[in-house]
Amino acid sequence: MLNMKASWAGRLCSWGKGLYKIPHSIRIDPHGNVWTVDASSSVVLKYSPHGEKLMEIDVGGQPENSGNAFNGTTDIAFGPDGRLFISDGYGNARILEYTADGKRVREWGSAGAGPGQFELPHSIVIDENGIIYVADRENGRIQRFDLDGKYLGEFANLGRTYSLKLSGGALWAGMQPLTEPPGGPGWLVKLDRKSGKILGYVEVSDKGGLHCVEASATGEPITDLANHVEWFKAH
């Protein structure tokens, strides 16, 4: 793989100034709408592709006096029929489901290392078969669930898993060794999403990233690192 540092000179547009405490995740839904997740306020916002605010979900239920600004939600994923799934990992250890119009349906999960338990659920994605994948960060695994929260299994013995992206029939994950402090170097790992078998990986030697993993149209991994983006292109 060829490592490329990418930068862009122009800004097309911006919005949301003053609305965020700790912007943690940004996702695009199947209709092109933009969703943001705040890891401090636990507020999830939906915007049109042009930046018009369409919905606000105040997840709530965060522990008081935690002493940590990171005390809220971490990511959002999109299921069939507009179903929304939010991972709430910094102050809690749960997954929440909402309807397309923002009404809460259910939640599941608790703190721990057993099936359906979490130690910081940090990223969440859903495939075309309705399987939910959750990056259980500090447990070093990816858990799988159906759309009703039933535990389907896990990919265990991974590193500290920050981010997930479905691409080309595979699952990409950004991770680093559990034995090192958060924010250190690590890997972008390509997994078979049925078996969890490692299909390949690229080393990421810089610090301060791996919280996001994306993939190009041809399946090449892209991640954020401190103040730049790195795109790993095949030779």
Protein backbone atom coordinates (compact mmCIF):
# COMPACT_ATOMS: atom_id res chain seq x y z
CA MET A 1 0.00 0.00 0.00
CA LEU A 2 1.11 3.56 -0.72
CA ASN A 3 0.56 6.06 2.09
CA MET A 4 -0.64 9.48 0.91
CA LYS A 5 -1.24 12.54 3.09
CA ALA A 6 -4.13 14.49 1.64
CA SER A 7 -5.05 18.13 2.13
CA TRP A 8 -7.67 20.41 0.62
CA ALA A 9 -7.27 24.13 0.05
CA GLY A 10 -10.89 25.19 -0.32
CA ARG A 11 -13.95 25.02 1.94
CA LEU A 12 -17.27 24.47 0.21
CA CYS A 13 -19.49 25.39 3.15
CA SER A 14 -19.77 25.10 6.91
CA TRP A 15 -22.47 25.17 9.56
CA GLY A 16 -23.11 24.40 13.22
CA LYS A 17 -20.67 26.85 14.81
CA GLY A 18 -21.36 27.06 18.54
CA LEU A 19 -23.62 24.00 18.60
CA TYR A 20 -20.97 21.48 19.67
CA LYS A 21 -18.96 20.70 22.76
CA ILE A 22 -17.09 17.62 21.52
CA PRO A 23 -18.08 16.74 17.92
CA HIS A 24 -17.22 13.05 17.77
CA SER A 25 -18.78 11.46 14.70
CA ILE A 26 -20.23 12.51 11.36
CA ARG A 27 -22.19 10.14 9.11
CA ILE A 28 -24.11 10.44 5.84
CA ASP A 29 -27.40 8.52 5.66
CA PRO A 30 -28.70 6.76 2.52
CA HIS A 31 -30.60 9.93 1.52
CA GLY A 32 -27.56 12.18 1.73
CA ASN A 33 -28.47 13.82 5.03
CA VAL A 34 -25.65 14.67 7.42
CA TRP A 35 -25.73 13.45 11.04
CA THR A 36 -23.41 14.57 13.82
CA VAL A 37 -22.85 13.08 17.27
CA ASP A 38 -21.57 15.04 20.28
CA ALA A 39 -19.58 13.07 22.88
CA SER A 40 -20.16 15.62 25.64
CA SER A 41 -23.72 16.90 25.27
CA SER A 42 -25.09 13.60 23.88
CA VAL A 43 -27.00 15.57 21.26
CA VAL A 44 -27.39 14.07 17.78
CA LEU A 45 -28.21 16.49 14.96
CA LYS A 46 -29.56 15.81 11.48
CA TYR A 47 -28.93 18.25 8.62
CA SER A 48 -29.91 18.35 4.98
CA PRO A 49 -27.04 18.09 2.47
CA HIS A 50 -27.07 21.91 2.38
CA GLY A 51 -26.83 22.37 6.15
CA GLU A 52 -30.48 22.96 7.09
CA LYS A 53 -31.14 21.55 10.55
CA LEU A 54 -33.83 18.87 10.28
CA MET A 55 -33.85 17.08 13.64
CA GLU A 56 -32.32 17.10 17.09
CA ILE A 57 -32.16 14.04 19.36
CA ASP A 58 -31.20 14.82 22.95
CA VAL A 59 -30.24 11.34 24.15
CA GLY A 60 -29.81 12.32 27.81
CA GLY A 61 -29.27 9.96 30.71
CA GLN A 62 -25.63 10.90 31.17
CA PRO A 63 -23.98 10.40 34.57
CA GLU A 64 -23.69 13.59 36.58
CA ASN A 65 -20.40 14.83 37.99
CA SER A 66 -18.36 12.35 35.98
CA GLY A 67 -15.38 14.69 36.00
CA ASN A 68 -14.78 14.00 32.31
CA ALA A 69 -15.90 16.14 29.38
CA PHE A 70 -16.25 12.91 27.35
CA ASN A 71 -19.53 11.78 28.88
CA GLY A 72 -21.86 10.99 26.00
CA THR A 73 -22.73 9.44 22.68
CA THR A 74 -20.16 8.24 20.16
CA ASP A 75 -21.70 7.29 16.79
CA ILE A 76 -24.86 6.65 14.75
CA ALA A 77 -25.87 4.01 12.17
CA PHE A 78 -28.83 3.65 9.82
CA GLY A 79 -31.07 0.61 9.58
CA PRO A 80 -33.95 -0.22 7.23
CA ASP A 81 -37.12 1.92 7.20
CA GLY A 82 -35.28 4.86 8.71
CA ARG A 83 -34.41 3.10 11.96
CA LEU A 84 -31.61 4.86 13.84
CA PHE A 85 -29.09 3.24 16.18
CA ILE A 86 -26.87 5.35 18.46
CA SER A 87 -23.91 4.12 20.49
CA ASP A 88 -23.62 5.76 23.91
CA GLY A 89 -20.25 4.81 25.30
CA TYR A 90 -18.47 7.48 27.29
CA GLY A 91 -20.92 7.95 30.15
CA ASN A 92 -22.93 4.78 29.59
CA ALA A 93 -22.51 1.38 27.94
CA ARG A 94 -25.51 1.00 25.68
CA ILE A 95 -27.02 1.08 22.21
CA LEU A 96 -30.24 3.03 21.64
CA GLU A 97 -32.75 2.64 18.82
CA TYR A 98 -34.89 5.52 17.53
CA THR A 99 -37.55 5.78 14.86
CA ALA A 100 -36.97 7.82 11.72
CA ASP A 101 -38.71 10.79 13.38
CA GLY A 102 -36.57 10.63 16.51
CA LYS A 103 -38.72 8.69 18.99
CA ARG A 104 -36.87 6.27 21.27
CA VAL A 105 -37.79 2.60 20.80
CA ARG A 106 -35.44 0.60 23.01
CA GLU A 107 -31.96 0.34 24.41
CA TRP A 108 -29.68 -2.50 25.38
CA GLY A 109 -26.30 -3.08 26.94
CA SER A 110 -24.57 -2.63 30.28
CA ALA A 111 -21.01 -2.23 31.52
CA GLY A 112 -18.90 -5.39 31.43
CA ALA A 113 -17.17 -7.90 29.21
CA GLY A 114 -19.92 -10.48 28.65
CA PRO A 115 -22.10 -10.93 25.56
CA GLY A 116 -24.09 -7.75 24.97
CA GLN A 117 -22.05 -5.82 27.50
CA PHE A 118 -19.67 -3.00 26.62
CA GLU A 119 -16.59 -1.20 27.78
CA LEU A 120 -17.02 1.93 25.66
CA PRO A 121 -19.05 1.19 22.53
CA HIS A 122 -17.26 3.63 20.21
CA SER A 123 -18.49 3.00 16.66
CA ILE A 124 -21.49 1.34 15.03
CA VAL A 125 -22.40 0.26 11.48
CA ILE A 126 -25.19 -1.84 9.91
CA ASP A 127 -24.91 -4.02 6.82
CA GLU A 128 -27.51 -4.73 4.12
CA ASN A 129 -28.65 -7.85 5.99
CA GLY A 130 -29.54 -5.89 9.11
CA ILE A 131 -26.54 -7.03 11.16
CA ILE A 132 -25.26 -4.42 13.60
CA TYR A 133 -21.53 -4.26 14.29
CA VAL A 134 -20.36 -2.41 17.42
CA ALA A 135 -16.75 -1.51 18.18
CA ASP A 136 -16.46 -2.45 21.87
CA ARG A 137 -13.36 -0.31 22.28
CA GLU A 138 -11.82 -1.17 25.63
CA ASN A 139 -12.84 -4.84 25.42
CA GLY A 140 -10.86 -5.15 22.18
CA ARG A 141 -13.64 -6.73 20.15
CA ILE A 142 -16.44 -6.16 17.65
CA GLN A 143 -19.85 -7.44 18.73
CA ARG A 144 -22.66 -8.33 16.34
CA PHE A 145 -26.42 -7.99 16.93
CA ASP A 146 -29.65 -8.23 14.99
CA LEU A 147 -31.90 -5.19 14.63
CA ASP A 148 -33.73 -6.04 17.86
CA GLY A 149 -30.54 -6.16 19.90
CA LYS A 150 -30.13 -9.95 19.98
CA TYR A 151 -26.48 -10.93 20.41
CA LEU A 152 -25.18 -12.84 17.37
CA GLY A 153 -21.52 -13.26 18.26
CA GLU A 154 -18.28 -11.32 18.30
CA PHE A 155 -14.86 -10.92 16.76
CA ALA A 156 -12.64 -11.13 19.83
CA ASN A 157 -8.98 -10.61 20.68
CA LEU A 158 -8.60 -7.48 18.60
CA GLY A 159 -6.90 -4.25 19.60
CA ARG A 160 -8.53 -1.16 21.05
CA THR A 161 -11.14 -0.73 18.31
CA TYR A 162 -12.11 2.84 17.54
CA SER A 163 -13.83 2.94 14.18
CA LEU A 164 -15.76 0.79 11.68
CA LYS A 165 -16.59 1.03 7.99
CA LEU A 166 -18.38 -1.45 5.72
CA SER A 167 -16.92 -1.55 2.21
CA GLY A 168 -16.94 -4.04 -0.63
CA GLY A 169 -18.27 -6.93 1.44
CA ALA A 170 -15.61 -6.45 4.12
CA LEU A 171 -15.41 -4.61 7.43
CA TRP A 172 -12.60 -2.11 8.02
CA ALA A 173 -11.63 -1.27 11.61
CA GLY A 174 -9.22 1.28 13.04
CA MET A 175 -7.44 -0.09 16.10
CA GLN A 176 -4.31 0.01 18.23
CA PRO A 177 -2.76 -2.26 20.90
CA LEU A 178 -4.69 -2.42 24.16
CA THR A 179 -1.36 -2.39 25.97
CA GLU A 180 -0.56 1.14 24.75
CA PRO A 181 -2.15 4.45 25.85
CA PRO A 182 -5.07 5.65 23.70
CA GLY A 183 -4.11 7.74 20.70
CA GLY A 184 -0.99 5.83 19.73
CA PRO A 185 -0.03 4.16 16.44
CA GLY A 186 -2.01 1.17 15.23
CA TRP A 187 -3.56 -0.44 12.20
CA LEU A 188 -6.39 -0.28 9.72
CA VAL A 189 -7.57 -3.88 9.62
CA LYS A 190 -9.71 -5.48 6.92
CA LEU A 191 -11.97 -8.23 8.28
CA ASP A 192 -14.27 -10.81 6.76
CA ARG A 193 -17.55 -9.61 8.21
CA LYS A 194 -19.00 -13.12 8.53
CA SER A 195 -16.08 -14.88 10.21
CA GLY A 196 -13.96 -12.04 11.57
CA LYS A 197 -10.92 -13.44 9.75
CA ILE A 198 -8.26 -10.81 9.07
CA LEU A 199 -7.98 -10.31 5.32
CA GLY A 200 -5.27 -7.67 5.43
CA TYR A 201 -4.07 -4.59 7.26
CA VAL A 202 -1.96 -1.47 6.94
CA GLU A 203 0.20 -0.03 9.69
CA VAL A 204 -0.49 3.51 10.84
CA SER A 205 2.66 4.81 12.47
CA ASP A 206 1.50 8.32 13.41
CA LYS A 207 -0.21 9.19 16.68
CA GLY A 208 -3.49 10.96 17.24
CA GLY A 209 -5.87 9.19 14.94
CA LEU A 210 -7.77 6.06 13.91
CA HIS A 211 -11.02 7.49 15.31
CA CYS A 212 -12.39 7.44 11.78
CA VAL A 213 -12.03 4.99 8.91
CA GLU A 214 -13.50 5.49 5.47
CA ALA A 215 -12.95 3.73 2.15
CA SER A 216 -12.54 5.01 -1.37
CA ALA A 217 -14.76 3.86 -4.22
CA THR A 218 -12.21 1.14 -4.92
CA GLY A 219 -12.03 -0.01 -1.28
CA GLU A 220 -8.81 1.71 -0.21
CA PRO A 221 -8.80 2.75 3.47
CA ILE A 222 -8.70 6.37 4.60
CA THR A 223 -8.24 7.60 8.17
CA ASP A 224 -7.82 10.79 10.17
CA LEU A 225 -4.54 11.47 11.96
CA ALA A 226 -4.14 14.59 14.09
CA ASN A 227 -4.38 17.45 11.59
CA HIS A 228 -4.44 15.55 8.31
CA VAL A 229 -6.04 12.68 6.42
CA GLU A 230 -4.15 9.62 5.23
CA TRP A 231 -5.23 7.59 2.23
CA PHE A 232 -3.62 4.22 1.71
CA LYS A 233 -3.63 3.47 -2.00
CA ALA A 234 -2.73 0.15 -3.56
CA HIS A 235 0.51 0.12 -5.58
